[in-house]
Amino acid sequence: MPGIVRLNDKCTGHSCYPPRPCISASNDVFVDGKAVHREQDKWAMHACPNTPPHDGVLATGSSTVYVNGKAIARIGDPISCGSKTQEGSQTVFAG
């Protein structure tokens, strides 16, 4: 099972767009002392040379584990811009 993604964990990036951190998460549920990232929570802006920057949100998360009514993010889950989550907890996992 993949690790749970938390506030400030990074994505893979895509094309020439570099990895960036998630910037929103639950305000009352924590894993390893960091807020849990959930479906529709935001990712920071990233850009490539000569192209407009964009942000993103977690597109889909776990189908079985929810925090505050939203699916939690796990390593490998898709982000709306084409990136995937890359970093997460090494001690707490979800299916």
N, C-alpha and C. Protein backbone atom coordinates (compact mmCIF):
# COMPACT_ATOMS: atom_id res chain seq x y z
N MET A 1 0.83 -1.19 0.00
CA MET A 1 0.00 0.00 0.00
C MET A 1 0.87 1.25 0.00
N PRO A 2 0.43 2.28 -0.69
CA PRO A 2 1.22 3.52 -0.77
C PRO A 2 1.10 4.38 0.49
N GLY A 3 2.14 5.17 0.73
CA GLY A 3 2.15 6.10 1.85
C GLY A 3 1.20 7.27 1.63
N ILE A 4 0.74 7.85 2.73
CA ILE A 4 -0.17 8.99 2.69
C ILE A 4 0.61 10.28 2.43
N VAL A 5 0.09 11.11 1.53
CA VAL A 5 0.72 12.39 1.18
C VAL A 5 0.31 13.44 2.21
N ARG A 6 1.30 14.28 2.59
CA ARG A 6 1.09 15.29 3.62
C ARG A 6 1.48 16.67 3.10
N LEU A 7 1.06 17.69 3.81
CA LEU A 7 1.37 19.07 3.45
C LEU A 7 2.87 19.23 3.16
N ASN A 8 3.19 19.87 2.06
CA ASN A 8 4.56 20.14 1.59
C ASN A 8 5.28 18.94 0.97
N ASP A 9 4.65 17.76 0.91
CA ASP A 9 5.24 16.67 0.13
C ASP A 9 5.18 17.08 -1.34
N LYS A 10 6.06 16.51 -2.16
CA LYS A 10 6.19 16.95 -3.56
C LYS A 10 5.60 15.96 -4.55
N CYS A 11 5.36 16.50 -5.77
CA CYS A 11 4.86 15.71 -6.89
C CYS A 11 6.03 15.35 -7.82
N THR A 12 5.72 14.60 -8.88
CA THR A 12 6.73 14.19 -9.85
C THR A 12 7.11 15.28 -10.82
N GLY A 13 6.22 16.26 -11.03
CA GLY A 13 6.38 17.17 -12.16
C GLY A 13 5.97 16.43 -13.42
N HIS A 14 5.94 17.13 -14.55
CA HIS A 14 5.57 16.51 -15.82
C HIS A 14 6.15 17.35 -16.95
N SER A 15 6.49 16.69 -18.05
CA SER A 15 7.11 17.37 -19.17
C SER A 15 8.29 18.19 -18.63
N CYS A 16 8.36 19.47 -18.94
CA CYS A 16 9.45 20.30 -18.40
C CYS A 16 9.05 20.99 -17.09
N TYR A 17 7.83 20.75 -16.61
CA TYR A 17 7.36 21.36 -15.35
C TYR A 17 7.98 20.61 -14.18
N PRO A 18 8.66 21.32 -13.27
CA PRO A 18 9.38 20.67 -12.18
C PRO A 18 8.46 20.21 -11.05
N PRO A 19 8.95 19.33 -10.19
CA PRO A 19 8.21 18.96 -8.98
C PRO A 19 7.93 20.20 -8.13
N ARG A 20 6.81 20.14 -7.38
CA ARG A 20 6.45 21.25 -6.48
C ARG A 20 5.67 20.67 -5.30
N PRO A 21 5.50 21.43 -4.22
CA PRO A 21 4.82 20.91 -3.03
C PRO A 21 3.31 21.10 -3.08
N CYS A 22 2.61 20.26 -2.33
CA CYS A 22 1.19 20.52 -2.10
C CYS A 22 1.10 21.62 -1.04
N ILE A 23 0.10 22.49 -1.19
CA ILE A 23 0.04 23.67 -0.33
C ILE A 23 -1.24 23.78 0.47
N SER A 24 -2.13 22.80 0.39
CA SER A 24 -3.30 22.79 1.26
C SER A 24 -3.56 21.37 1.73
N ALA A 25 -4.20 21.27 2.90
CA ALA A 25 -4.43 19.97 3.52
C ALA A 25 -5.44 20.14 4.65
N SER A 26 -5.77 19.05 5.30
CA SER A 26 -6.69 19.08 6.44
C SER A 26 -6.14 19.98 7.55
N ASN A 27 -7.03 20.67 8.24
CA ASN A 27 -6.55 21.49 9.36
C ASN A 27 -6.64 20.76 10.70
N ASP A 28 -7.11 19.50 10.68
CA ASP A 28 -7.24 18.81 11.97
C ASP A 28 -6.88 17.32 11.96
N VAL A 29 -6.34 16.80 10.85
CA VAL A 29 -5.90 15.41 10.79
C VAL A 29 -4.46 15.40 10.30
N PHE A 30 -3.60 14.69 11.05
CA PHE A 30 -2.16 14.73 10.80
C PHE A 30 -1.57 13.33 10.72
N VAL A 31 -0.53 13.16 9.90
CA VAL A 31 0.26 11.94 9.80
C VAL A 31 1.71 12.35 9.93
N ASP A 32 2.42 11.73 10.84
CA ASP A 32 3.83 12.07 11.08
C ASP A 32 4.00 13.56 11.40
N GLY A 33 3.00 14.14 12.06
CA GLY A 33 3.07 15.55 12.45
C GLY A 33 2.78 16.54 11.33
N LYS A 34 2.37 16.06 10.15
CA LYS A 34 2.05 16.93 9.02
C LYS A 34 0.59 16.74 8.63
N ALA A 35 -0.06 17.82 8.20
CA ALA A 35 -1.46 17.76 7.78
C ALA A 35 -1.63 16.83 6.58
N VAL A 36 -2.74 16.07 6.55
CA VAL A 36 -3.03 15.11 5.48
C VAL A 36 -3.59 15.83 4.25
N HIS A 37 -3.00 15.54 3.09
CA HIS A 37 -3.46 16.10 1.80
C HIS A 37 -4.63 15.26 1.30
N ARG A 38 -5.65 15.92 0.70
CA ARG A 38 -6.87 15.24 0.30
C ARG A 38 -7.28 15.62 -1.12
N GLU A 39 -8.23 14.87 -1.67
CA GLU A 39 -8.76 15.17 -3.00
C GLU A 39 -9.23 16.62 -3.06
N GLN A 40 -8.88 17.30 -4.14
CA GLN A 40 -9.19 18.71 -4.41
C GLN A 40 -8.34 19.70 -3.60
N ASP A 41 -7.44 19.23 -2.73
CA ASP A 41 -6.49 20.15 -2.09
C ASP A 41 -5.48 20.61 -3.15
N LYS A 42 -4.92 21.79 -2.94
CA LYS A 42 -4.11 22.46 -3.97
C LYS A 42 -2.63 22.10 -3.96
N TRP A 43 -2.03 22.30 -5.14
CA TRP A 43 -0.59 22.19 -5.36
C TRP A 43 -0.09 23.56 -5.81
N ALA A 44 1.15 23.88 -5.47
CA ALA A 44 1.76 25.16 -5.84
C ALA A 44 1.85 25.30 -7.36
N MET A 45 2.04 26.53 -7.81
CA MET A 45 2.26 26.81 -9.23
C MET A 45 3.61 26.23 -9.65
N HIS A 46 3.70 25.82 -10.92
CA HIS A 46 5.01 25.51 -11.51
C HIS A 46 4.97 25.90 -12.98
N ALA A 47 6.16 26.11 -13.55
CA ALA A 47 6.23 26.64 -14.91
C ALA A 47 7.44 26.08 -15.66
N CYS A 48 7.34 26.13 -16.97
CA CYS A 48 8.44 25.82 -17.88
C CYS A 48 8.82 27.12 -18.58
N PRO A 49 10.02 27.20 -19.12
CA PRO A 49 10.38 28.38 -19.90
C PRO A 49 9.42 28.58 -21.08
N ASN A 50 9.02 29.81 -21.30
CA ASN A 50 8.17 30.19 -22.43
C ASN A 50 6.78 29.55 -22.44
N THR A 51 6.31 29.10 -21.29
CA THR A 51 4.95 28.57 -21.17
C THR A 51 4.31 29.15 -19.92
N PRO A 52 3.00 29.29 -19.91
CA PRO A 52 2.36 29.85 -18.72
C PRO A 52 2.43 28.88 -17.54
N PRO A 53 2.56 29.41 -16.33
CA PRO A 53 2.55 28.55 -15.15
C PRO A 53 1.13 28.05 -14.88
N HIS A 54 1.04 26.98 -14.12
CA HIS A 54 -0.26 26.50 -13.68
C HIS A 54 -0.13 25.85 -12.31
N ASP A 55 -1.26 25.77 -11.62
CA ASP A 55 -1.30 25.05 -10.35
C ASP A 55 -2.05 23.74 -10.60
N GLY A 56 -2.53 23.12 -9.57
CA GLY A 56 -3.29 21.89 -9.73
C GLY A 56 -3.95 21.51 -8.43
N VAL A 57 -4.79 20.49 -8.50
CA VAL A 57 -5.42 19.91 -7.31
C VAL A 57 -5.28 18.40 -7.41
N LEU A 58 -5.37 17.73 -6.27
CA LEU A 58 -5.36 16.27 -6.31
C LEU A 58 -6.61 15.82 -7.05
N ALA A 59 -6.44 15.09 -8.15
CA ALA A 59 -7.57 14.68 -8.99
C ALA A 59 -8.38 13.57 -8.35
N THR A 60 -7.72 12.52 -7.90
CA THR A 60 -8.41 11.42 -7.21
C THR A 60 -7.50 10.86 -6.14
N GLY A 61 -8.12 10.35 -5.09
CA GLY A 61 -7.38 9.75 -3.99
C GLY A 61 -7.93 8.37 -3.69
N SER A 62 -7.78 7.95 -2.46
CA SER A 62 -8.24 6.64 -2.01
C SER A 62 -9.75 6.50 -2.18
N SER A 63 -10.20 5.32 -2.57
CA SER A 63 -11.64 5.06 -2.67
C SER A 63 -12.20 4.51 -1.37
N THR A 64 -11.31 4.30 -0.37
CA THR A 64 -11.77 3.70 0.88
C THR A 64 -11.43 4.50 2.14
N VAL A 65 -10.50 5.45 2.05
CA VAL A 65 -10.08 6.20 3.24
C VAL A 65 -10.32 7.69 3.00
N TYR A 66 -11.07 8.31 3.93
CA TYR A 66 -11.46 9.72 3.79
C TYR A 66 -11.07 10.50 5.03
N VAL A 67 -10.75 11.78 4.83
CA VAL A 67 -10.47 12.72 5.91
C VAL A 67 -11.34 13.94 5.65
N ASN A 68 -12.14 14.32 6.62
CA ASN A 68 -13.05 15.47 6.47
C ASN A 68 -13.95 15.30 5.24
N GLY A 69 -14.36 14.07 4.94
CA GLY A 69 -15.25 13.81 3.82
C GLY A 69 -14.58 13.80 2.46
N LYS A 70 -13.26 13.92 2.41
CA LYS A 70 -12.52 13.92 1.14
C LYS A 70 -11.56 12.73 1.11
N ALA A 71 -11.39 12.14 -0.08
CA ALA A 71 -10.45 11.03 -0.24
C ALA A 71 -9.03 11.49 0.08
N ILE A 72 -8.28 10.68 0.82
CA ILE A 72 -6.90 11.05 1.14
C ILE A 72 -5.99 10.79 -0.06
N ALA A 73 -4.90 11.55 -0.12
CA ALA A 73 -3.89 11.39 -1.18
C ALA A 73 -2.87 10.35 -0.76
N ARG A 74 -2.46 9.54 -1.73
CA ARG A 74 -1.41 8.54 -1.52
C ARG A 74 -0.33 8.71 -2.57
N ILE A 75 0.86 8.23 -2.29
CA ILE A 75 1.94 8.29 -3.28
C ILE A 75 1.46 7.62 -4.57
N GLY A 76 1.62 8.33 -5.69
CA GLY A 76 1.23 7.81 -7.00
C GLY A 76 -0.13 8.27 -7.49
N ASP A 77 -0.91 8.97 -6.64
CA ASP A 77 -2.22 9.46 -7.08
C ASP A 77 -2.05 10.62 -8.06
N PRO A 78 -2.99 10.78 -9.02
CA PRO A 78 -2.87 11.82 -10.05
C PRO A 78 -3.25 13.22 -9.57
N ILE A 79 -2.56 14.20 -10.14
CA ILE A 79 -2.84 15.62 -9.93
C ILE A 79 -3.45 16.14 -11.23
N SER A 80 -4.34 17.10 -11.14
CA SER A 80 -5.12 17.57 -12.29
C SER A 80 -4.29 18.03 -13.48
N CYS A 81 -3.05 18.44 -13.29
CA CYS A 81 -2.24 18.97 -14.39
C CYS A 81 -1.43 17.90 -15.13
N GLY A 82 -1.41 16.68 -14.63
CA GLY A 82 -0.63 15.63 -15.27
C GLY A 82 0.49 15.08 -14.41
N SER A 83 0.81 15.73 -13.31
CA SER A 83 1.79 15.21 -12.36
C SER A 83 1.17 14.09 -11.54
N LYS A 84 1.98 13.42 -10.75
CA LYS A 84 1.51 12.45 -9.76
C LYS A 84 2.19 12.77 -8.44
N THR A 85 1.55 12.38 -7.36
CA THR A 85 2.18 12.57 -6.05
C THR A 85 3.40 11.67 -5.96
N GLN A 86 4.48 12.17 -5.36
CA GLN A 86 5.73 11.41 -5.33
C GLN A 86 6.22 11.14 -3.92
N GLU A 87 5.99 12.07 -3.00
CA GLU A 87 6.46 11.91 -1.63
C GLU A 87 5.29 11.66 -0.70
N GLY A 88 5.58 11.02 0.43
CA GLY A 88 4.55 10.76 1.42
C GLY A 88 5.14 10.05 2.62
N SER A 89 4.27 9.67 3.52
CA SER A 89 4.69 9.01 4.76
C SER A 89 5.37 7.68 4.48
N GLN A 90 6.40 7.40 5.25
CA GLN A 90 7.07 6.10 5.19
C GLN A 90 6.58 5.17 6.30
N THR A 91 5.62 5.67 7.11
CA THR A 91 5.13 4.89 8.25
C THR A 91 3.62 4.67 8.26
N VAL A 92 2.86 5.47 7.50
CA VAL A 92 1.40 5.34 7.48
C VAL A 92 0.95 5.16 6.03
N PHE A 93 0.17 4.10 5.79
CA PHE A 93 -0.19 3.70 4.44
C PHE A 93 -1.71 3.56 4.31
N ALA A 94 -2.22 3.67 3.08
CA ALA A 94 -3.65 3.50 2.85
C ALA A 94 -3.89 2.87 1.48
N GLY A 95 -4.96 2.09 1.40
CA GLY A 95 -5.33 1.46 0.13
C GLY A 95 -6.27 2.32 -0.67
